[in-house]
Amino acid sequence: QVQLVESGGGLVQPGGSLRLSCVASGFTFRTYAMSWYRQAPGKEREFVAAITSGGGTTNYADSVKGRFTISRDNAKNTVYLQMNSLEPEDTAVYYCNGKRYLEFWGQGTLVTVSS
């Protein structure tokens, strides 16, 4: 059974930081590219960041470049999203995504940036 379980969301003040985690099971994690997406209230889901299977290449949406960092630990079947300098516009449900021949999604974790 494939599972992607996100954690680490919560309420944070503008300028603060959070680290999201996504633990994978049920598939060969180390062979899959992994990504983070987000969906703000009333908006479509959008790409945030991606990392290749070996972790050597990363890619970011312009809106988060320089503030967010994606990383992975293939020994722990886990992908991370370090989010710094958070802004109210970053408020969204954040989803973990795994893709190779198949595509998998987590259930999401809510991040709220507010004072």
N, C-alpha and C. Protein backbone atom coordinates (compact mmCIF):
# COMPACT_ATOMS: atom_id res chain seq x y z
N GLN A 1 0.85 -1.19 0.00
CA GLN A 1 0.00 0.00 0.00
C GLN A 1 0.89 1.24 0.00
N VAL A 2 0.72 2.08 -1.01
CA VAL A 2 1.50 3.30 -1.13
C VAL A 2 0.98 4.35 -0.15
N GLN A 3 1.90 4.97 0.56
CA GLN A 3 1.53 6.07 1.45
C GLN A 3 2.58 7.17 1.39
N LEU A 4 2.09 8.40 1.39
CA LEU A 4 2.92 9.59 1.58
C LEU A 4 2.27 10.35 2.72
N VAL A 5 2.99 10.51 3.82
CA VAL A 5 2.42 11.13 5.01
C VAL A 5 3.21 12.40 5.34
N GLU A 6 2.54 13.54 5.16
CA GLU A 6 3.17 14.83 5.46
C GLU A 6 2.97 15.20 6.93
N SER A 7 3.90 15.97 7.44
CA SER A 7 3.79 16.52 8.79
C SER A 7 4.61 17.81 8.87
N GLY A 8 4.41 18.55 9.96
CA GLY A 8 5.21 19.74 10.19
C GLY A 8 4.49 21.05 9.94
N GLY A 9 3.26 20.98 9.43
CA GLY A 9 2.52 22.22 9.22
C GLY A 9 2.06 22.82 10.52
N GLY A 10 1.54 24.04 10.43
CA GLY A 10 1.05 24.72 11.62
C GLY A 10 0.91 26.19 11.40
N LEU A 11 0.73 26.92 12.48
CA LEU A 11 0.60 28.38 12.44
C LEU A 11 1.94 29.02 12.76
N VAL A 12 2.35 29.97 11.93
CA VAL A 12 3.63 30.65 12.14
C VAL A 12 3.46 32.12 11.78
N GLN A 13 4.21 32.97 12.44
CA GLN A 13 4.14 34.41 12.16
C GLN A 13 4.92 34.74 10.89
N PRO A 14 4.56 35.81 10.23
CA PRO A 14 5.35 36.26 9.07
C PRO A 14 6.82 36.42 9.45
N GLY A 15 7.68 35.95 8.55
CA GLY A 15 9.12 35.97 8.81
C GLY A 15 9.64 34.72 9.49
N GLY A 16 8.74 33.87 9.94
CA GLY A 16 9.13 32.66 10.64
C GLY A 16 9.50 31.52 9.70
N SER A 17 9.79 30.37 10.31
CA SER A 17 10.23 29.19 9.57
C SER A 17 9.44 27.96 9.99
N LEU A 18 9.34 27.03 9.06
CA LEU A 18 8.78 25.71 9.32
C LEU A 18 9.54 24.70 8.47
N ARG A 19 9.58 23.45 8.93
CA ARG A 19 10.11 22.38 8.12
C ARG A 19 9.06 21.30 7.97
N LEU A 20 8.68 21.05 6.75
CA LEU A 20 7.73 19.98 6.45
C LEU A 20 8.49 18.70 6.16
N SER A 21 7.88 17.58 6.53
CA SER A 21 8.44 16.27 6.24
C SER A 21 7.39 15.43 5.53
N CYS A 22 7.84 14.52 4.69
CA CYS A 22 6.94 13.58 4.01
C CYS A 22 7.62 12.22 4.04
N VAL A 23 7.00 11.28 4.74
CA VAL A 23 7.54 9.93 4.84
C VAL A 23 6.80 9.03 3.86
N ALA A 24 7.56 8.32 3.04
CA ALA A 24 6.99 7.47 2.00
C ALA A 24 7.10 6.00 2.36
N SER A 25 6.14 5.23 1.88
CA SER A 25 6.17 3.78 2.05
C SER A 25 5.39 3.13 0.92
N GLY A 26 5.71 1.87 0.65
CA GLY A 26 4.95 1.11 -0.34
C GLY A 26 5.47 1.20 -1.76
N PHE A 27 6.55 1.94 -1.97
CA PHE A 27 7.17 2.01 -3.29
C PHE A 27 8.67 2.28 -3.11
N THR A 28 9.42 2.15 -4.19
CA THR A 28 10.88 2.30 -4.12
C THR A 28 11.22 3.78 -4.15
N PHE A 29 11.21 4.37 -2.99
CA PHE A 29 11.34 5.83 -2.83
C PHE A 29 12.57 6.37 -3.54
N ARG A 30 13.69 5.68 -3.45
CA ARG A 30 14.95 6.22 -3.95
C ARG A 30 14.97 6.35 -5.48
N THR A 31 14.00 5.74 -6.17
CA THR A 31 13.95 5.82 -7.63
C THR A 31 12.97 6.88 -8.13
N TYR A 32 12.29 7.53 -7.22
CA TYR A 32 11.26 8.50 -7.58
C TYR A 32 11.73 9.94 -7.38
N ALA A 33 11.45 10.79 -8.36
CA ALA A 33 11.55 12.22 -8.13
C ALA A 33 10.45 12.62 -7.17
N MET A 34 10.75 13.56 -6.30
CA MET A 34 9.78 14.00 -5.30
C MET A 34 9.57 15.51 -5.41
N SER A 35 8.36 15.92 -5.13
CA SER A 35 8.02 17.34 -5.24
C SER A 35 7.11 17.75 -4.10
N TRP A 36 7.03 19.05 -3.91
CA TRP A 36 6.04 19.66 -3.04
C TRP A 36 5.17 20.58 -3.89
N TYR A 37 3.88 20.51 -3.64
CA TYR A 37 2.90 21.40 -4.24
C TYR A 37 2.12 22.05 -3.10
N ARG A 38 1.39 23.10 -3.44
CA ARG A 38 0.53 23.73 -2.45
C ARG A 38 -0.75 24.24 -3.08
N GLN A 39 -1.78 24.34 -2.25
CA GLN A 39 -3.06 24.85 -2.72
C GLN A 39 -3.60 25.82 -1.67
N ALA A 40 -3.68 27.07 -2.07
CA ALA A 40 -4.23 28.11 -1.19
C ALA A 40 -5.75 28.12 -1.34
N PRO A 41 -6.45 28.65 -0.34
CA PRO A 41 -7.92 28.71 -0.41
C PRO A 41 -8.39 29.42 -1.67
N GLY A 42 -9.27 28.77 -2.40
CA GLY A 42 -9.85 29.38 -3.60
C GLY A 42 -8.94 29.39 -4.82
N LYS A 43 -7.79 28.74 -4.71
CA LYS A 43 -6.84 28.74 -5.82
C LYS A 43 -6.53 27.31 -6.26
N GLU A 44 -5.92 27.20 -7.44
CA GLU A 44 -5.53 25.89 -7.93
C GLU A 44 -4.22 25.43 -7.26
N ARG A 45 -4.03 24.13 -7.28
CA ARG A 45 -2.79 23.58 -6.75
C ARG A 45 -1.62 24.05 -7.63
N GLU A 46 -0.51 24.42 -6.98
CA GLU A 46 0.64 24.92 -7.74
C GLU A 46 1.92 24.24 -7.29
N PHE A 47 2.86 24.17 -8.20
CA PHE A 47 4.18 23.60 -7.94
C PHE A 47 4.97 24.50 -7.01
N VAL A 48 5.70 23.87 -6.07
CA VAL A 48 6.56 24.61 -5.15
C VAL A 48 8.03 24.27 -5.37
N ALA A 49 8.35 22.98 -5.30
CA ALA A 49 9.75 22.57 -5.40
C ALA A 49 9.83 21.10 -5.78
N ALA A 50 10.95 20.71 -6.40
CA ALA A 50 11.15 19.33 -6.81
C ALA A 50 12.60 18.94 -6.60
N ILE A 51 12.82 17.63 -6.45
CA ILE A 51 14.17 17.10 -6.28
C ILE A 51 14.25 15.77 -7.02
N THR A 52 15.37 15.53 -7.70
CA THR A 52 15.54 14.28 -8.43
C THR A 52 15.74 13.11 -7.47
N SER A 53 15.69 11.90 -8.04
CA SER A 53 15.71 10.70 -7.20
C SER A 53 16.96 10.62 -6.34
N GLY A 54 18.09 11.01 -6.89
CA GLY A 54 19.33 10.96 -6.14
C GLY A 54 19.62 12.20 -5.33
N GLY A 55 18.80 13.22 -5.50
CA GLY A 55 18.97 14.45 -4.75
C GLY A 55 19.93 15.44 -5.35
N GLY A 56 20.44 15.16 -6.54
CA GLY A 56 21.46 16.01 -7.11
C GLY A 56 20.96 17.29 -7.76
N THR A 57 19.69 17.31 -8.12
CA THR A 57 19.13 18.47 -8.81
C THR A 57 17.83 18.88 -8.14
N THR A 58 17.69 20.18 -7.94
CA THR A 58 16.46 20.73 -7.37
C THR A 58 15.91 21.83 -8.27
N ASN A 59 14.63 22.10 -8.10
CA ASN A 59 13.96 23.12 -8.91
C ASN A 59 12.91 23.78 -8.03
N TYR A 60 12.73 25.10 -8.21
CA TYR A 60 11.82 25.85 -7.35
C TYR A 60 10.92 26.77 -8.17
N ALA A 61 9.74 27.00 -7.65
CA ALA A 61 8.90 28.06 -8.19
C ALA A 61 9.55 29.40 -7.87
N ASP A 62 9.37 30.36 -8.77
CA ASP A 62 9.98 31.68 -8.56
C ASP A 62 9.54 32.31 -7.24
N SER A 63 8.32 32.04 -6.84
CA SER A 63 7.76 32.68 -5.64
C SER A 63 8.44 32.21 -4.35
N VAL A 64 9.14 31.08 -4.38
CA VAL A 64 9.77 30.56 -3.16
C VAL A 64 11.28 30.48 -3.27
N LYS A 65 11.81 30.77 -4.44
CA LYS A 65 13.25 30.65 -4.66
C LYS A 65 14.02 31.54 -3.69
N GLY A 66 15.03 30.97 -3.05
CA GLY A 66 15.82 31.71 -2.07
C GLY A 66 15.26 31.66 -0.66
N ARG A 67 14.03 31.19 -0.51
CA ARG A 67 13.41 31.10 0.83
C ARG A 67 13.16 29.64 1.24
N PHE A 68 12.84 28.79 0.28
CA PHE A 68 12.53 27.39 0.57
C PHE A 68 13.66 26.50 0.05
N THR A 69 13.86 25.37 0.76
CA THR A 69 14.85 24.39 0.34
C THR A 69 14.26 22.99 0.44
N ILE A 70 14.32 22.26 -0.67
CA ILE A 70 13.87 20.88 -0.68
C ILE A 70 15.09 19.97 -0.54
N SER A 71 14.91 18.88 0.22
CA SER A 71 15.99 17.91 0.39
C SER A 71 15.35 16.55 0.63
N ARG A 72 16.18 15.52 0.58
CA ARG A 72 15.66 14.17 0.81
C ARG A 72 16.71 13.31 1.49
N ASP A 73 16.22 12.30 2.21
CA ASP A 73 17.07 11.30 2.84
C ASP A 73 16.55 9.94 2.38
N ASN A 74 17.21 9.35 1.40
CA ASN A 74 16.72 8.09 0.84
C ASN A 74 16.83 6.94 1.83
N ALA A 75 17.71 7.05 2.80
CA ALA A 75 17.80 6.01 3.83
C ALA A 75 16.58 6.02 4.76
N LYS A 76 15.94 7.18 4.86
CA LYS A 76 14.77 7.32 5.73
C LYS A 76 13.47 7.43 4.94
N ASN A 77 13.54 7.30 3.61
CA ASN A 77 12.35 7.42 2.76
C ASN A 77 11.59 8.71 3.03
N THR A 78 12.33 9.80 3.17
CA THR A 78 11.73 11.06 3.59
C THR A 78 12.21 12.21 2.71
N VAL A 79 11.28 13.08 2.37
CA VAL A 79 11.60 14.33 1.69
C VAL A 79 11.18 15.47 2.59
N TYR A 80 11.96 16.55 2.55
CA TYR A 80 11.73 17.69 3.43
C TYR A 80 11.52 18.96 2.63
N LEU A 81 10.87 19.92 3.25
CA LEU A 81 10.78 21.27 2.70
C LEU A 81 11.04 22.25 3.84
N GLN A 82 12.22 22.85 3.81
CA GLN A 82 12.55 23.88 4.78
C GLN A 82 12.04 25.21 4.25
N MET A 83 11.20 25.87 5.02
CA MET A 83 10.57 27.11 4.59
C MET A 83 11.00 28.23 5.53
N ASN A 84 11.69 29.21 5.00
CA ASN A 84 12.15 30.36 5.78
C ASN A 84 11.50 31.64 5.26
N SER A 85 11.58 32.67 6.05
CA SER A 85 11.03 33.98 5.67
C SER A 85 9.60 33.85 5.15
N LEU A 86 8.80 33.15 5.89
CA LEU A 86 7.43 32.87 5.44
C LEU A 86 6.60 34.14 5.37
N GLU A 87 5.73 34.16 4.38
CA GLU A 87 4.85 35.31 4.11
C GLU A 87 3.39 34.84 4.18
N PRO A 88 2.48 35.76 4.44
CA PRO A 88 1.06 35.36 4.46
C PRO A 88 0.63 34.66 3.16
N GLU A 89 1.26 35.03 2.05
CA GLU A 89 0.92 34.42 0.76
C GLU A 89 1.34 32.96 0.66
N ASP A 90 2.14 32.50 1.61
CA ASP A 90 2.53 31.10 1.63
C ASP A 90 1.49 30.21 2.32
N THR A 91 0.46 30.82 2.87
CA THR A 91 -0.60 30.06 3.52
C THR A 91 -1.28 29.13 2.51
N ALA A 92 -1.29 27.84 2.82
CA ALA A 92 -1.84 26.84 1.89
C ALA A 92 -1.77 25.47 2.53
N VAL A 93 -2.43 24.52 1.90
CA VAL A 93 -2.20 23.12 2.21
C VAL A 93 -1.05 22.65 1.32
N TYR A 94 -0.05 22.06 1.93
CA TYR A 94 1.14 21.60 1.21
C TYR A 94 1.08 20.09 1.01
N TYR A 95 1.29 19.67 -0.22
CA TYR A 95 1.17 18.27 -0.60
C TYR A 95 2.52 17.74 -1.08
N CYS A 96 2.80 16.51 -0.69
CA CYS A 96 3.97 15.78 -1.14
C CYS A 96 3.57 14.96 -2.38
N ASN A 97 4.47 14.90 -3.35
CA ASN A 97 4.18 14.19 -4.60
C ASN A 97 5.39 13.34 -4.98
N GLY A 98 5.13 12.11 -5.39
CA GLY A 98 6.18 11.25 -5.91
C GLY A 98 5.84 10.83 -7.32
N LYS A 99 6.83 10.88 -8.22
CA LYS A 99 6.53 10.59 -9.61
C LYS A 99 7.68 9.87 -10.29
N ARG A 100 7.32 8.80 -10.98
CA ARG A 100 8.23 8.15 -11.90
C ARG A 100 7.36 7.59 -13.02
N TYR A 101 7.09 6.29 -13.03
CA TYR A 101 6.11 5.75 -13.98
C TYR A 101 4.70 5.97 -13.46
N LEU A 102 4.56 5.97 -12.13
CA LEU A 102 3.29 6.27 -11.47
C LEU A 102 3.45 7.57 -10.68
N GLU A 103 2.31 8.10 -10.24
CA GLU A 103 2.34 9.34 -9.48
C GLU A 103 1.52 9.16 -8.21
N PHE A 104 2.08 9.60 -7.09
CA PHE A 104 1.43 9.44 -5.79
C PHE A 104 1.34 10.79 -5.10
N TRP A 105 0.28 10.96 -4.30
CA TRP A 105 0.06 12.19 -3.54
C TRP A 105 -0.18 11.88 -2.06
N GLY A 106 0.28 12.78 -1.21
CA GLY A 106 -0.06 12.70 0.20
C GLY A 106 -1.38 13.39 0.47
N GLN A 107 -1.77 13.41 1.75
CA GLN A 107 -3.06 13.99 2.12
C GLN A 107 -2.96 15.48 2.41
N GLY A 108 -1.76 15.98 2.55
CA GLY A 108 -1.55 17.41 2.75
C GLY A 108 -1.38 17.79 4.21
N THR A 109 -0.67 18.90 4.43
CA THR A 109 -0.52 19.48 5.76
C THR A 109 -0.70 21.00 5.63
N LEU A 110 -1.46 21.57 6.55
CA LEU A 110 -1.83 22.97 6.45
C LEU A 110 -0.76 23.86 7.07
N VAL A 111 -0.37 24.87 6.31
CA VAL A 111 0.55 25.90 6.77
C VAL A 111 -0.20 27.23 6.77
N THR A 112 -0.24 27.88 7.92
CA THR A 112 -0.90 29.18 8.04
C THR A 112 0.12 30.20 8.51
N VAL A 113 0.30 31.25 7.73
CA VAL A 113 1.23 32.31 8.07
C VAL A 113 0.41 33.56 8.40
N SER A 114 0.41 33.90 9.68
CA SER A 114 -0.44 35.01 10.13
C SER A 114 0.09 35.54 11.45
N SER A 115 -0.12 36.85 11.65
CA SER A 115 0.24 37.46 12.92
C SER A 115 -0.96 37.52 13.85
